Amino acid sequence: MSKFNTRNNNDLPEVSTASLPDIVFMLLFFFMTVTVMKDNTLKIENNLPNASETKKLEKKDRIIYLYIGKPTKEFQKIWGSEPRIQANDKFIKVSEVGDYILSTKAKMPENIRNVMTTALKIDKNANVGLISDVKQELRKVNALKINYTTYQGDAFANIE
């Protein structure tokens, strides 16, 4: 006779779910900390040109983005097919560029306002006249540090 009872059925023991809420919350906090929220929804076609000499901008908090290009098909019904300026999630006129830059600059911390850069993401088929008008408005508000965003590649591929 044995002192130990042997189980006749070979069932597996139940899985303990006591630590399951801890694991779920740990995963939740992980994804909350590593997820990056998208800033802007592009409402324009933005095929950037290629350039052979490029440099990556390091500090993104000092950059104000302006997008210039033809509205996408869903917005062409409202805004037409002429190239437009998009700032954040809305279209603005050339005359509103200076006000937008000044209001965005006012929201920045004071120690980085003087090193602010305006990054222009311009579609390769946009009008040079519109770009020139935007640059004139930037000069009026003393936003003289301008970056043209491009893709790394062969600059001769831009010629059609």
C-alpha atoms as a PDB file:
ATOM      1  CA  MET A   1       0.000   0.000   0.000  1.00  0.00           C
ATOM      2  CA  SER A   2       1.281   3.372  -0.880  1.00  0.00           C
ATOM      3  CA  LYS A   3       0.961   6.486   1.161  1.00  0.00           C
ATOM      4  CA  PHE A   4       0.448   8.710  -1.839  1.00  0.00           C
ATOM      5  CA  ASN A   5      -2.696   8.832  -3.820  1.00  0.00           C
ATOM      6  CA  THR A   6      -2.192   8.480  -7.500  1.00  0.00           C
ATOM      7  CA  ARG A   7      -4.549  10.189  -9.839  1.00  0.00           C
ATOM      8  CA  ASN A   8      -6.210   7.920 -12.222  1.00  0.00           C
ATOM      9  CA  ASN A   9      -7.133  10.644 -14.683  1.00  0.00           C
ATOM     10  CA  ASN A  10      -4.283  12.333 -16.530  1.00  0.00           C
ATOM     11  CA  ASP A  11      -5.879  15.785 -16.758  1.00  0.00           C
ATOM     12  CA  LEU A  12      -3.668  18.826 -16.904  1.00  0.00           C
ATOM     13  CA  PRO A  13      -3.945  21.263 -14.027  1.00  0.00           C
ATOM     14  CA  GLU A  14      -5.865  24.463 -14.649  1.00  0.00           C
ATOM     15  CA  VAL A  15      -3.910  27.471 -15.877  1.00  0.00           C
ATOM     16  CA  SER A  16      -3.677  30.193 -13.280  1.00  0.00           C
ATOM     17  CA  THR A  17      -5.049  33.479 -14.570  1.00  0.00           C
ATOM     18  CA  ALA A  18      -4.042  35.510 -11.534  1.00  0.00           C
ATOM     19  CA  SER A  19      -1.217  37.304 -13.373  1.00  0.00           C
ATOM     20  CA  LEU A  20      -3.215  37.946 -16.552  1.00  0.00           C
ATOM     21  CA  PRO A  21      -4.380  41.494 -15.587  1.00  0.00           C
ATOM     22  CA  ASP A  22      -0.768  42.452 -14.817  1.00  0.00           C
ATOM     23  CA  ILE A  23       0.369  41.287 -18.228  1.00  0.00           C
ATOM     24  CA  VAL A  24      -2.469  43.121 -19.987  1.00  0.00           C
ATOM     25  CA  PHE A  25      -1.703  46.399 -18.215  1.00  0.00           C
ATOM     26  CA  MET A  26       2.009  46.026 -18.862  1.00  0.00           C
ATOM     27  CA  LEU A  27       1.321  45.635 -22.601  1.00  0.00           C
ATOM     28  CA  LEU A  28      -1.109  48.550 -22.528  1.00  0.00           C
ATOM     29  CA  PHE A  29       1.461  50.871 -20.922  1.00  0.00           C
ATOM     30  CA  PHE A  30       4.138  49.711 -23.356  1.00  0.00           C
ATOM     31  CA  PHE A  31       2.033  50.541 -26.413  1.00  0.00           C
ATOM     32  CA  MET A  32       0.914  53.846 -24.911  1.00  0.00           C
ATOM     33  CA  THR A  33       4.521  54.955 -24.464  1.00  0.00           C
ATOM     34  CA  VAL A  34       5.921  53.853 -27.837  1.00  0.00           C
ATOM     35  CA  THR A  35       3.021  54.879 -30.073  1.00  0.00           C
ATOM     36  CA  VAL A  36       3.545  58.068 -32.036  1.00  0.00           C
ATOM     37  CA  MET A  37       0.450  60.030 -32.953  1.00  0.00           C
ATOM     38  CA  LYS A  38       0.222  61.355 -36.488  1.00  0.00           C
ATOM     39  CA  ASP A  39       0.285  65.144 -36.550  1.00  0.00           C
ATOM     40  CA  ASN A  40      -1.275  66.026 -39.867  1.00  0.00           C
ATOM     41  CA  THR A  41      -3.522  64.404 -42.396  1.00  0.00           C
ATOM     42  CA  LEU A  42      -2.353  65.353 -45.859  1.00  0.00           C
ATOM     43  CA  LYS A  43      -5.094  66.865 -47.971  1.00  0.00           C
ATOM     44  CA  ILE A  44      -2.769  67.531 -50.877  1.00  0.00           C
ATOM     45  CA  GLU A  45      -0.772  65.425 -53.295  1.00  0.00           C
ATOM     46  CA  ASN A  46       2.796  65.625 -52.097  1.00  0.00           C
ATOM     47  CA  ASN A  47       5.282  64.003 -54.483  1.00  0.00           C
ATOM     48  CA  LEU A  48       8.544  65.427 -53.208  1.00  0.00           C
ATOM     49  CA  PRO A  49      11.434  65.902 -55.625  1.00  0.00           C
ATOM     50  CA  ASN A  50      14.749  64.034 -55.356  1.00  0.00           C
ATOM     51  CA  ALA A  51      18.016  65.673 -54.355  1.00  0.00           C
ATOM     52  CA  SER A  52      21.553  64.346 -54.266  1.00  0.00           C
ATOM     53  CA  GLU A  53      22.778  66.493 -51.361  1.00  0.00           C
ATOM     54  CA  THR A  54      20.470  66.171 -48.360  1.00  0.00           C
ATOM     55  CA  LYS A  55      20.783  66.585 -44.624  1.00  0.00           C
ATOM     56  CA  LYS A  56      18.432  65.285 -41.967  1.00  0.00           C
ATOM     57  CA  LEU A  57      16.884  67.780 -39.576  1.00  0.00           C
ATOM     58  CA  GLU A  58      17.640  66.647 -36.055  1.00  0.00           C
ATOM     59  CA  LYS A  59      15.368  68.588 -33.726  1.00  0.00           C
ATOM     60  CA  LYS A  60      11.757  68.263 -34.826  1.00  0.00           C
ATOM     61  CA  ASP A  61      10.337  70.563 -32.142  1.00  0.00           C
ATOM     62  CA  ARG A  62      11.854  73.610 -33.890  1.00  0.00           C
ATOM     63  CA  ILE A  63      10.195  72.992 -37.249  1.00  0.00           C
ATOM     64  CA  ILE A  64       6.990  74.462 -38.665  1.00  0.00           C
ATOM     65  CA  TYR A  65       5.711  72.533 -41.678  1.00  0.00           C
ATOM     66  CA  LEU A  66       3.931  74.030 -44.686  1.00  0.00           C
ATOM     67  CA  TYR A  67       2.671  71.713 -47.426  1.00  0.00           C
ATOM     68  CA  ILE A  68       2.159  73.000 -50.968  1.00  0.00           C
ATOM     69  CA  GLY A  69       0.499  70.978 -53.706  1.00  0.00           C
ATOM     70  CA  LYS A  70      -2.646  70.122 -55.600  1.00  0.00           C
ATOM     71  CA  PRO A  71      -5.555  68.970 -53.379  1.00  0.00           C
ATOM     72  CA  THR A  72      -6.341  65.256 -53.410  1.00  0.00           C
ATOM     73  CA  LYS A  73      -9.315  64.019 -55.426  1.00  0.00           C
ATOM     74  CA  GLU A  74     -11.746  64.183 -52.511  1.00  0.00           C
ATOM     75  CA  PHE A  75     -10.851  67.825 -51.794  1.00  0.00           C
ATOM     76  CA  GLN A  76     -10.735  68.924 -55.452  1.00  0.00           C
ATOM     77  CA  LYS A  77     -14.535  69.136 -55.448  1.00  0.00           C
ATOM     78  CA  ILE A  78     -14.356  71.845 -52.788  1.00  0.00           C
ATOM     79  CA  TRP A  79     -11.002  73.561 -53.408  1.00  0.00           C
ATOM     80  CA  GLY A  80     -10.402  72.992 -57.120  1.00  0.00           C
ATOM     81  CA  SER A  81      -7.302  71.550 -58.745  1.00  0.00           C
ATOM     82  CA  GLU A  82      -4.949  74.529 -58.350  1.00  0.00           C
ATOM     83  CA  PRO A  83      -2.049  74.075 -55.902  1.00  0.00           C
ATOM     84  CA  ARG A  84      -2.910  75.095 -52.315  1.00  0.00           C
ATOM     85  CA  ILE A  85      -1.085  75.661 -49.051  1.00  0.00           C
ATOM     86  CA  GLN A  86      -1.861  73.321 -46.169  1.00  0.00           C
ATOM     87  CA  ALA A  87      -0.923  74.265 -42.619  1.00  0.00           C
ATOM     88  CA  ASN A  88      -1.779  71.667 -39.976  1.00  0.00           C
ATOM     89  CA  ASP A  89      -5.077  70.188 -41.162  1.00  0.00           C
ATOM     90  CA  LYS A  90      -6.522  73.159 -43.040  1.00  0.00           C
ATOM     91  CA  PHE A  91      -5.945  75.061 -46.251  1.00  0.00           C
ATOM     92  CA  ILE A  92      -4.753  78.640 -45.916  1.00  0.00           C
ATOM     93  CA  LYS A  93      -4.281  81.514 -48.337  1.00  0.00           C
ATOM     94  CA  VAL A  94      -0.908  83.069 -49.100  1.00  0.00           C
ATOM     95  CA  SER A  95      -1.886  86.140 -47.064  1.00  0.00           C
ATOM     96  CA  GLU A  96      -2.507  83.928 -43.985  1.00  0.00           C
ATOM     97  CA  VAL A  97       0.958  82.322 -44.012  1.00  0.00           C
ATOM     98  CA  GLY A  98       2.547  85.076 -41.911  1.00  0.00           C
ATOM     99  CA  ASP A  99      -0.196  84.935 -39.278  1.00  0.00           C
ATOM    100  CA  TYR A 100       0.094  81.142 -39.104  1.00  0.00           C
ATOM    101  CA  ILE A 101       3.881  81.299 -38.622  1.00  0.00           C
ATOM    102  CA  LEU A 102       3.599  83.968 -35.920  1.00  0.00           C
ATOM    103  CA  SER A 103       0.864  82.118 -34.011  1.00  0.00           C
ATOM    104  CA  THR A 104       2.776  78.823 -34.165  1.00  0.00           C
ATOM    105  CA  LYS A 105       5.981  80.559 -33.135  1.00  0.00           C
ATOM    106  CA  ALA A 106       4.185  82.095 -30.136  1.00  0.00           C
ATOM    107  CA  LYS A 107       3.225  78.599 -28.939  1.00  0.00           C
ATOM    108  CA  MET A 108       6.865  77.457 -28.942  1.00  0.00           C
ATOM    109  CA  PRO A 109       9.055  77.714 -25.857  1.00  0.00           C
ATOM    110  CA  GLU A 110      10.854  81.045 -25.786  1.00  0.00           C
ATOM    111  CA  ASN A 111      14.349  79.556 -25.882  1.00  0.00           C
ATOM    112  CA  ILE A 112      13.819  77.934 -29.316  1.00  0.00           C
ATOM    113  CA  ARG A 113      11.848  80.668 -31.076  1.00  0.00           C
ATOM    114  CA  ASN A 114      14.950  82.252 -32.568  1.00  0.00           C
ATOM    115  CA  VAL A 115      16.145  78.947 -34.088  1.00  0.00           C
ATOM    116  CA  MET A 116      12.786  78.027 -35.634  1.00  0.00           C
ATOM    117  CA  THR A 117      12.887  76.559 -39.141  1.00  0.00           C
ATOM    118  CA  THR A 118      10.081  76.625 -41.685  1.00  0.00           C
ATOM    119  CA  ALA A 119      10.077  73.356 -43.633  1.00  0.00           C
ATOM    120  CA  LEU A 120       8.386  73.551 -47.009  1.00  0.00           C
ATOM    121  CA  LYS A 121       7.134  70.221 -48.342  1.00  0.00           C
ATOM    122  CA  ILE A 122       6.406  71.180 -51.923  1.00  0.00           C
ATOM    123  CA  ASP A 123       4.986  68.912 -54.600  1.00  0.00           C
ATOM    124  CA  LYS A 124       7.319  68.726 -57.574  1.00  0.00           C
ATOM    125  CA  ASN A 125       4.517  69.931 -59.877  1.00  0.00           C
ATOM    126  CA  ALA A 126       3.643  73.048 -57.823  1.00  0.00           C
ATOM    127  CA  ASN A 127       3.839  76.551 -59.303  1.00  0.00           C
ATOM    128  CA  VAL A 128       7.020  78.501 -58.662  1.00  0.00           C
ATOM    129  CA  GLY A 129       4.914  81.668 -58.390  1.00  0.00           C
ATOM    130  CA  LEU A 130       3.026  80.285 -55.386  1.00  0.00           C
ATOM    131  CA  ILE A 131       6.286  79.245 -53.739  1.00  0.00           C
ATOM    132  CA  SER A 132       7.734  82.710 -54.337  1.00  0.00           C
ATOM    133  CA  ASP A 133       4.649  84.317 -52.770  1.00  0.00           C
ATOM    134  CA  VAL A 134       4.984  82.080 -49.698  1.00  0.00           C
ATOM    135  CA  LYS A 135       8.655  83.026 -49.383  1.00  0.00           C
ATOM    136  CA  GLN A 136       7.728  86.730 -49.546  1.00  0.00           C
ATOM    137  CA  GLU A 137       5.225  86.250 -46.706  1.00  0.00           C
ATOM    138  CA  LEU A 138       7.880  84.430 -44.661  1.00  0.00           C
ATOM    139  CA  ARG A 139      10.260  87.354 -45.171  1.00  0.00           C
ATOM    140  CA  LYS A 140       7.621  89.783 -43.872  1.00  0.00           C
ATOM    141  CA  VAL A 141       7.425  87.928 -40.540  1.00  0.00           C
ATOM    142  CA  ASN A 142      11.217  87.432 -40.366  1.00  0.00           C
ATOM    143  CA  ALA A 143      11.045  83.642 -40.793  1.00  0.00           C
ATOM    144  CA  LEU A 144      14.229  83.519 -42.815  1.00  0.00           C
ATOM    145  CA  LYS A 145      15.392  79.983 -42.012  1.00  0.00           C
ATOM    146  CA  ILE A 146      13.733  77.814 -44.682  1.00  0.00           C
ATOM    147  CA  ASN A 147      14.185  74.125 -45.406  1.00  0.00           C
ATOM    148  CA  TYR A 148      13.026  72.424 -48.598  1.00  0.00           C
ATOM    149  CA  THR A 149      12.104  68.825 -47.833  1.00  0.00           C
ATOM    150  CA  THR A 150      13.153  66.284 -50.471  1.00  0.00           C
ATOM    151  CA  TYR A 151      13.914  62.605 -50.933  1.00  0.00           C
ATOM    152  CA  GLN A 152      17.483  61.337 -51.218  1.00  0.00           C
ATOM    153  CA  GLY A 153      18.087  60.329 -54.818  1.00  0.00           C
ATOM    154  CA  ASP A 154      19.131  61.371 -58.276  1.00  0.00           C
ATOM    155  CA  ALA A 155      18.226  65.008 -58.900  1.00  0.00           C
ATOM    156  CA  PHE A 156      18.067  64.380 -62.660  1.00  0.00           C
ATOM    157  CA  ALA A 157      15.101  62.048 -62.090  1.00  0.00           C
ATOM    158  CA  ASN A 158      12.984  65.179 -61.431  1.00  0.00           C
ATOM    159  CA  ILE A 159      13.285  66.264 -65.065  1.00  0.00           C
ATOM    160  CA  GLU A 160      10.343  65.025 -67.087  1.00  0.00           C
END
